[in-house]
C-alpha cells in the first residue's frame, strides 16, 4: 500500500552491448605483372603498352613500349648501344626501328618475288621437299 515511500531498488544498469571486433578484409596478394614475372625468371621483357594513330593522317603514329633491364642488357650486348651516354629509350628506339625496317624489307622482297613470278622472270626453281620449292 504505501509503496510510494518504500525505497526503490536501483534499476539494473544497462549492459553494454558486446564488443564486436571487425576484422579488416584480407588483402589478396597483388598479382604480378608479366614484366615482374619475366624479371624474376631472368628473362627479357618488352611489350607495347599503347599505340596511337593520328586520325587525320593514318601514316603517322606512335608506340609506347615497356621493358625490363634484362632486355636492355641483351640489346647492349647485341650492339644497340652506340654511345656511352645512350639511355635505355635510345637503345630500345634503335632496336624498334631495326625491327620495323626488317618488316618493311621482308614485305618489299615478297612483293618483288610476286611481281617476278607474274612476269615469268624466275631463273631457277628447285624442289626443297615437303611440298615447297625455292625460286630465284
N, C-alpha and C. Protein backbone atom coordinates (compact mmCIF):
# COMPACT_ATOMS: atom_id res chain seq x y z
N UNK A 1 0.79 -1.15 0.00
CA UNK A 1 0.00 0.00 0.00
C UNK A 1 0.86 1.25 0.00
N UNK A 2 1.63 1.53 0.87
CA UNK A 2 2.43 2.73 0.86
C UNK A 2 3.74 2.50 0.12
N UNK A 3 3.60 2.03 -1.01
CA UNK A 3 4.79 1.68 -1.76
C UNK A 3 5.49 2.91 -2.30
N UNK A 4 4.85 4.00 -2.20
CA UNK A 4 5.50 5.20 -2.69
C UNK A 4 6.69 5.55 -1.83
N UNK A 5 6.59 5.19 -0.60
CA UNK A 5 7.64 5.59 0.33
C UNK A 5 8.71 4.53 0.49
N UNK A 6 8.49 3.40 -0.04
CA UNK A 6 9.49 2.35 0.07
C UNK A 6 10.68 2.71 -0.79
N UNK A 7 11.76 2.27 -0.29
CA UNK A 7 13.00 2.50 -1.02
C UNK A 7 12.99 1.62 -2.28
N UNK A 8 13.20 2.25 -3.38
CA UNK A 8 13.16 1.50 -4.61
C UNK A 8 14.53 0.90 -4.88
N UNK A 9 14.47 -0.25 -5.47
CA UNK A 9 15.71 -0.90 -5.86
C UNK A 9 16.26 -0.14 -7.07
N UNK A 10 17.56 0.04 -7.04
CA UNK A 10 18.12 0.74 -8.21
C UNK A 10 17.89 -0.09 -9.47
N UNK A 11 17.65 0.60 -10.53
CA UNK A 11 17.42 -0.09 -11.79
C UNK A 11 18.72 -0.76 -12.23
N UNK A 12 18.55 -1.88 -12.85
CA UNK A 12 19.74 -2.59 -13.33
C UNK A 12 20.44 -1.71 -14.35
N UNK A 13 21.71 -1.66 -14.19
CA UNK A 13 22.49 -0.90 -15.18
C UNK A 13 22.39 -1.63 -16.51
N UNK A 14 22.21 -0.85 -17.49
CA UNK A 14 22.13 -1.46 -18.81
C UNK A 14 23.48 -2.06 -19.16
N UNK A 15 23.40 -3.26 -19.62
CA UNK A 15 24.63 -3.90 -20.03
C UNK A 15 25.05 -3.32 -21.37
N UNK A 16 26.33 -3.04 -21.48
CA UNK A 16 26.81 -2.53 -22.76
C UNK A 16 26.81 -3.70 -23.74
N UNK A 17 26.52 -3.39 -24.99
CA UNK A 17 26.49 -4.48 -25.97
C UNK A 17 27.89 -5.08 -26.10
N UNK A 18 27.93 -6.33 -26.46
CA UNK A 18 29.25 -6.95 -26.60
C UNK A 18 30.05 -6.24 -27.70
N UNK A 19 31.34 -6.16 -27.46
CA UNK A 19 32.21 -5.51 -28.42
C UNK A 19 32.47 -6.50 -29.56
N UNK A 20 32.15 -6.05 -30.75
CA UNK A 20 32.38 -6.89 -31.92
C UNK A 20 33.58 -6.31 -32.65
N UNK A 21 34.58 -7.12 -32.76
CA UNK A 21 35.76 -6.67 -33.47
C UNK A 21 35.60 -7.02 -34.95
N UNK A 22 35.69 -6.01 -35.75
CA UNK A 22 35.56 -6.22 -37.18
C UNK A 22 36.97 -6.32 -37.77
N UNK A 23 37.18 -7.44 -38.39
CA UNK A 23 38.49 -7.64 -39.00
C UNK A 23 38.50 -6.96 -40.36
N UNK A 24 39.59 -6.29 -40.63
CA UNK A 24 39.66 -5.69 -41.97
C UNK A 24 39.70 -6.80 -43.01
N UNK A 25 39.19 -6.52 -44.18
CA UNK A 25 39.21 -7.57 -45.22
C UNK A 25 40.64 -7.98 -45.52
N UNK A 26 40.78 -9.26 -45.77
CA UNK A 26 42.11 -9.76 -46.09
C UNK A 26 42.53 -9.20 -47.43
N UNK A 27 43.73 -8.68 -47.42
CA UNK A 27 44.26 -8.16 -48.67
C UNK A 27 44.82 -9.32 -49.47
N UNK A 28 44.28 -9.46 -50.67
CA UNK A 28 44.80 -10.51 -51.53
C UNK A 28 46.15 -10.07 -52.05
N UNK A 29 47.05 -10.99 -52.15
CA UNK A 29 48.36 -10.59 -52.68
C UNK A 29 48.19 -10.06 -54.10
N UNK A 30 48.88 -8.96 -54.36
CA UNK A 30 48.78 -8.35 -55.68
C UNK A 30 49.32 -9.31 -56.73
N UNK A 31 48.58 -9.41 -57.82
CA UNK A 31 49.04 -10.28 -58.90
C UNK A 31 50.23 -9.61 -59.57
N UNK A 32 51.21 -10.41 -59.88
CA UNK A 32 52.41 -9.88 -60.51
C UNK A 32 52.16 -9.66 -61.99
N UNK A 33 52.78 -8.62 -62.49
CA UNK A 33 52.65 -8.31 -63.91
C UNK A 33 53.53 -9.25 -64.72
N UNK A 34 53.29 -9.29 -66.02
CA UNK A 34 54.12 -10.10 -66.90
C UNK A 34 55.58 -9.64 -66.82
N UNK A 35 55.77 -8.34 -66.70
CA UNK A 35 57.12 -7.80 -66.60
C UNK A 35 57.81 -8.31 -65.33
N UNK A 36 57.10 -8.26 -64.20
CA UNK A 36 57.67 -8.74 -62.94
C UNK A 36 57.99 -10.23 -63.00
N UNK A 37 57.09 -11.00 -63.59
CA UNK A 37 57.32 -12.44 -63.70
C UNK A 37 58.53 -12.74 -64.58
N UNK A 38 58.64 -12.04 -65.71
CA UNK A 38 59.79 -12.25 -66.60
C UNK A 38 61.08 -11.87 -65.90
N UNK A 39 61.06 -10.76 -65.18
CA UNK A 39 62.26 -10.29 -64.49
C UNK A 39 62.68 -11.30 -63.43
N UNK A 40 61.71 -11.84 -62.69
CA UNK A 40 62.03 -12.85 -61.67
C UNK A 40 62.65 -14.10 -62.29
N UNK A 41 62.21 -14.44 -63.51
CA UNK A 41 62.74 -15.61 -64.19
C UNK A 41 64.07 -15.33 -64.89
N UNK A 42 64.48 -14.06 -64.89
CA UNK A 42 65.72 -13.69 -65.58
C UNK A 42 65.56 -13.61 -67.08
N UNK A 43 64.33 -13.35 -67.54
CA UNK A 43 64.04 -13.31 -68.97
C UNK A 43 63.86 -11.87 -69.43
N UNK A 44 64.24 -11.58 -70.68
CA UNK A 44 63.99 -10.23 -71.21
C UNK A 44 62.49 -10.02 -71.41
N UNK A 45 62.07 -8.78 -71.26
CA UNK A 45 60.65 -8.44 -71.41
C UNK A 45 60.55 -7.13 -72.19
N UNK A 46 59.71 -7.13 -73.20
CA UNK A 46 59.34 -5.91 -73.91
C UNK A 46 57.90 -6.07 -74.36
N UNK A 47 57.12 -4.99 -74.25
CA UNK A 47 55.72 -5.05 -74.65
C UNK A 47 55.27 -3.68 -75.15
N UNK A 48 54.29 -3.71 -76.03
CA UNK A 48 53.67 -2.46 -76.49
C UNK A 48 52.55 -2.13 -75.51
N UNK A 49 52.68 -0.99 -74.84
CA UNK A 49 51.66 -0.57 -73.89
C UNK A 49 50.53 0.19 -74.58
N UNK A 50 50.90 0.97 -75.57
CA UNK A 50 49.91 1.84 -76.21
C UNK A 50 50.36 2.14 -77.63
N UNK A 51 49.39 2.27 -78.50
CA UNK A 51 49.67 2.67 -79.88
C UNK A 51 48.69 3.78 -80.24
N UNK A 52 49.21 4.88 -80.72
CA UNK A 52 48.37 6.00 -81.15
C UNK A 52 48.54 6.21 -82.64
N UNK A 53 47.44 6.53 -83.29
CA UNK A 53 47.46 6.85 -84.72
C UNK A 53 46.74 8.17 -84.89
N UNK A 54 47.32 9.03 -85.70
CA UNK A 54 46.72 10.32 -85.99
C UNK A 54 45.52 10.09 -86.92
N UNK A 55 44.29 10.35 -86.46
CA UNK A 55 43.12 10.09 -87.31
C UNK A 55 43.11 10.95 -88.58
N UNK A 56 43.79 12.09 -88.56
CA UNK A 56 43.83 12.95 -89.74
C UNK A 56 44.89 12.48 -90.74
N UNK A 57 45.86 11.71 -90.24
CA UNK A 57 46.92 11.21 -91.12
C UNK A 57 47.29 9.80 -90.64
N UNK A 58 46.68 8.79 -91.21
CA UNK A 58 46.87 7.42 -90.74
C UNK A 58 48.28 6.90 -90.93
N UNK A 59 49.12 7.64 -91.65
CA UNK A 59 50.52 7.24 -91.82
C UNK A 59 51.37 7.64 -90.62
N UNK A 60 50.81 8.44 -89.73
CA UNK A 60 51.54 8.92 -88.56
C UNK A 60 51.02 8.23 -87.31
N UNK A 61 51.94 7.78 -86.48
CA UNK A 61 51.52 7.14 -85.24
C UNK A 61 52.71 6.98 -84.30
N UNK A 62 52.43 6.44 -83.16
CA UNK A 62 53.50 6.22 -82.19
C UNK A 62 53.17 5.00 -81.34
N UNK A 63 54.22 4.44 -80.76
CA UNK A 63 54.10 3.29 -79.88
C UNK A 63 54.70 3.66 -78.53
N UNK A 64 54.09 3.17 -77.47
CA UNK A 64 54.67 3.31 -76.13
C UNK A 64 55.07 1.91 -75.69
N UNK A 65 56.36 1.73 -75.44
CA UNK A 65 56.90 0.41 -75.08
C UNK A 65 57.29 0.37 -73.61
N UNK A 66 57.28 -0.81 -73.06
CA UNK A 66 57.76 -1.05 -71.70
C UNK A 66 58.75 -2.20 -71.78
N UNK A 67 59.78 -2.17 -70.94
CA UNK A 67 60.82 -3.21 -70.97
C UNK A 67 61.44 -3.36 -69.60
N UNK A 68 62.20 -4.43 -69.44
CA UNK A 68 62.94 -4.62 -68.20
C UNK A 68 64.44 -4.47 -68.46
N UNK A 69 65.21 -4.45 -67.41
CA UNK A 69 66.66 -4.25 -67.52
C UNK A 69 67.34 -5.40 -68.26
N UNK A 70 66.78 -6.59 -68.14
CA UNK A 70 67.37 -7.74 -68.82
C UNK A 70 67.30 -7.55 -70.33
N UNK A 71 66.18 -7.00 -70.81
CA UNK A 71 66.03 -6.71 -72.23
C UNK A 71 67.08 -5.70 -72.68
N UNK A 72 67.29 -4.66 -71.87
CA UNK A 72 68.29 -3.64 -72.19
C UNK A 72 69.68 -4.26 -72.25
N UNK A 73 69.99 -5.11 -71.30
CA UNK A 73 71.31 -5.77 -71.28
C UNK A 73 71.54 -6.57 -72.55
N UNK A 74 70.51 -7.28 -72.99
CA UNK A 74 70.63 -8.07 -74.22
C UNK A 74 70.84 -7.16 -75.44
N UNK A 75 70.13 -6.03 -75.47
CA UNK A 75 70.30 -5.10 -76.59
C UNK A 75 71.70 -4.50 -76.60
N UNK A 76 72.21 -4.17 -75.41
CA UNK A 76 73.57 -3.62 -75.33
C UNK A 76 74.56 -4.65 -75.84
N UNK A 77 74.40 -5.91 -75.43
CA UNK A 77 75.30 -6.98 -75.89
C UNK A 77 75.18 -7.19 -77.40
N UNK A 78 74.01 -6.92 -77.95
CA UNK A 78 73.79 -7.10 -79.40
C UNK A 78 74.26 -5.90 -80.21
N UNK A 79 74.77 -4.87 -79.54
CA UNK A 79 75.34 -3.73 -80.24
C UNK A 79 74.42 -2.55 -80.46
N UNK A 80 73.29 -2.48 -79.78
CA UNK A 80 72.37 -1.37 -79.97
C UNK A 80 72.77 -0.12 -79.19
N UNK A 81 73.73 -0.23 -78.29
CA UNK A 81 74.25 0.94 -77.59
C UNK A 81 75.42 1.47 -78.40
N UNK A 82 75.26 2.68 -78.93
CA UNK A 82 76.29 3.26 -79.79
C UNK A 82 77.20 4.20 -79.00
N UNK A 83 76.58 5.05 -78.18
CA UNK A 83 77.35 6.00 -77.37
C UNK A 83 77.22 5.62 -75.90
N UNK A 84 78.23 5.95 -75.13
CA UNK A 84 78.21 5.61 -73.70
C UNK A 84 77.10 6.33 -72.95
N UNK A 85 76.67 7.48 -73.47
CA UNK A 85 75.61 8.23 -72.78
C UNK A 85 74.22 7.92 -73.33
N UNK A 86 74.09 6.86 -74.16
CA UNK A 86 72.76 6.44 -74.63
C UNK A 86 71.94 6.00 -73.42
N UNK A 87 70.72 6.50 -73.35
CA UNK A 87 69.86 6.00 -72.28
C UNK A 87 69.04 4.81 -72.80
N UNK A 88 68.30 4.19 -71.91
CA UNK A 88 67.54 2.99 -72.29
C UNK A 88 66.59 3.25 -73.46
N UNK A 89 65.95 4.41 -73.44
CA UNK A 89 64.98 4.73 -74.51
C UNK A 89 65.68 4.82 -75.87
N UNK A 90 66.90 5.37 -75.91
CA UNK A 90 67.64 5.44 -77.17
C UNK A 90 67.95 4.05 -77.70
N UNK A 91 68.35 3.18 -76.79
CA UNK A 91 68.72 1.81 -77.17
C UNK A 91 67.50 1.05 -77.69
N UNK A 92 66.39 1.17 -76.98
CA UNK A 92 65.16 0.49 -77.40
C UNK A 92 64.64 1.08 -78.71
N UNK A 93 64.76 2.38 -78.89
CA UNK A 93 64.32 3.02 -80.13
C UNK A 93 65.10 2.49 -81.32
N UNK A 94 66.41 2.32 -81.18
CA UNK A 94 67.22 1.76 -82.26
C UNK A 94 66.77 0.34 -82.61
N UNK A 95 66.52 -0.44 -81.57
CA UNK A 95 66.07 -1.82 -81.79
C UNK A 95 64.72 -1.82 -82.52
N UNK A 96 63.79 -0.99 -82.05
CA UNK A 96 62.44 -0.97 -82.63
C UNK A 96 62.48 -0.51 -84.08
N UNK A 97 63.31 0.49 -84.38
CA UNK A 97 63.45 0.94 -85.76
C UNK A 97 64.01 -0.19 -86.63
N UNK A 98 64.95 -0.96 -86.09
CA UNK A 98 65.52 -2.08 -86.82
C UNK A 98 64.47 -3.16 -87.10
N UNK A 99 63.64 -3.45 -86.12
CA UNK A 99 62.56 -4.42 -86.30
C UNK A 99 61.62 -3.94 -87.41
N UNK A 100 61.23 -2.67 -87.35
CA UNK A 100 60.33 -2.10 -88.36
C UNK A 100 60.97 -2.15 -89.74
N UNK A 101 62.26 -1.84 -89.81
CA UNK A 101 62.99 -1.88 -91.09
C UNK A 101 62.95 -3.29 -91.67
N UNK A 102 63.14 -4.30 -90.83
CA UNK A 102 63.11 -5.68 -91.31
C UNK A 102 61.72 -6.08 -91.82
N UNK A 103 60.69 -5.61 -91.15
CA UNK A 103 59.33 -5.91 -91.60
C UNK A 103 59.10 -5.29 -92.99
N UNK A 104 59.53 -4.05 -93.15
CA UNK A 104 59.37 -3.38 -94.44
C UNK A 104 60.15 -4.11 -95.53
N UNK A 105 61.39 -4.48 -95.23
CA UNK A 105 62.22 -5.17 -96.23
C UNK A 105 61.62 -6.53 -96.62
N UNK A 106 61.12 -7.25 -95.64
CA UNK A 106 60.52 -8.56 -95.93
C UNK A 106 59.29 -8.39 -96.82
N UNK A 107 58.49 -7.39 -96.52
CA UNK A 107 57.30 -7.12 -97.33
C UNK A 107 57.71 -6.74 -98.75
N UNK A 108 58.72 -5.89 -98.88
CA UNK A 108 59.18 -5.47 -100.20
C UNK A 108 59.71 -6.66 -100.99
N UNK A 109 60.50 -7.52 -100.34
CA UNK A 109 61.04 -8.70 -101.03
C UNK A 109 59.92 -9.63 -101.50
N UNK A 110 58.89 -9.79 -100.68
CA UNK A 110 57.77 -10.63 -101.08
C UNK A 110 57.04 -10.03 -102.27
N UNK A 111 56.85 -8.72 -102.25
CA UNK A 111 56.19 -8.07 -103.38
C UNK A 111 57.01 -8.20 -104.66
N UNK A 112 58.33 -8.09 -104.53
CA UNK A 112 59.21 -8.25 -105.70
C UNK A 112 59.14 -9.67 -106.24
N UNK A 113 59.10 -10.65 -105.35
CA UNK A 113 59.02 -12.04 -105.78
C UNK A 113 57.71 -12.31 -106.50
N UNK A 114 56.64 -11.76 -105.99
CA UNK A 114 55.33 -11.94 -106.64
C UNK A 114 55.34 -11.29 -108.02
N UNK A 115 55.92 -10.08 -108.11
CA UNK A 115 55.97 -9.39 -109.41
C UNK A 115 56.79 -10.18 -110.41
N UNK A 116 57.91 -10.74 -109.97
CA UNK A 116 58.75 -11.54 -110.88
C UNK A 116 58.02 -12.81 -111.32
N UNK A 117 57.34 -13.45 -110.39
CA UNK A 117 56.65 -14.70 -110.75
C UNK A 117 55.55 -14.43 -111.76
N UNK A 118 54.91 -13.28 -111.67
CA UNK A 118 53.84 -12.97 -112.60
C UNK A 118 54.38 -12.60 -113.98
N UNK A 119 55.61 -12.12 -114.01
CA UNK A 119 56.18 -11.74 -115.31
C UNK A 119 57.04 -12.86 -115.89
N UNK A 120 57.20 -13.96 -115.16
CA UNK A 120 57.96 -15.10 -115.66
C UNK A 120 59.46 -14.88 -115.64
N UNK A 121 59.98 -14.03 -114.77
CA UNK A 121 61.40 -13.72 -114.75
C UNK A 121 62.22 -14.66 -113.87
N UNK A 122 61.61 -15.65 -113.26
CA UNK A 122 62.38 -16.55 -112.41
C UNK A 122 63.32 -17.38 -113.26
N UNK A 123 64.53 -17.55 -112.76
CA UNK A 123 65.55 -18.30 -113.49
C UNK A 123 65.57 -19.75 -113.04
N UNK A 124 65.62 -19.95 -111.76
CA UNK A 124 65.76 -21.31 -111.23
C UNK A 124 64.61 -21.63 -110.27
N UNK A 125 64.13 -22.86 -110.32
CA UNK A 125 63.16 -23.35 -109.36
C UNK A 125 63.65 -24.72 -108.93
N UNK A 126 63.77 -24.90 -107.60
CA UNK A 126 64.34 -26.13 -107.08
C UNK A 126 63.41 -26.67 -105.99
N UNK A 127 63.10 -27.97 -106.07
CA UNK A 127 62.26 -28.63 -105.07
C UNK A 127 63.09 -28.82 -103.80
N UNK A 128 62.62 -28.29 -102.68
CA UNK A 128 63.35 -28.46 -101.41
C UNK A 128 62.63 -29.40 -100.47
N UNK A 129 61.64 -30.12 -100.98
CA UNK A 129 60.93 -31.14 -100.20
C UNK A 129 59.78 -30.56 -99.39
N UNK A 130 58.95 -31.44 -98.92
CA UNK A 130 57.83 -31.03 -98.09
C UNK A 130 56.81 -30.18 -98.84
N UNK A 131 56.76 -30.35 -100.16
CA UNK A 131 55.78 -29.59 -100.94
C UNK A 131 56.22 -28.15 -101.17
N UNK A 132 57.49 -27.84 -100.89
CA UNK A 132 57.98 -26.47 -101.05
C UNK A 132 59.06 -26.44 -102.12
N UNK A 133 59.24 -25.25 -102.67
CA UNK A 133 60.30 -25.08 -103.67
C UNK A 133 60.98 -23.75 -103.44
N UNK A 134 62.21 -23.66 -103.90
CA UNK A 134 62.99 -22.44 -103.79
C UNK A 134 63.07 -21.84 -105.19
N UNK A 135 62.75 -20.56 -105.30
CA UNK A 135 62.75 -19.89 -106.59
C UNK A 135 63.69 -18.71 -106.51
N UNK A 136 64.55 -18.59 -107.55
CA UNK A 136 65.48 -17.45 -107.57
C UNK A 136 65.59 -16.91 -108.98
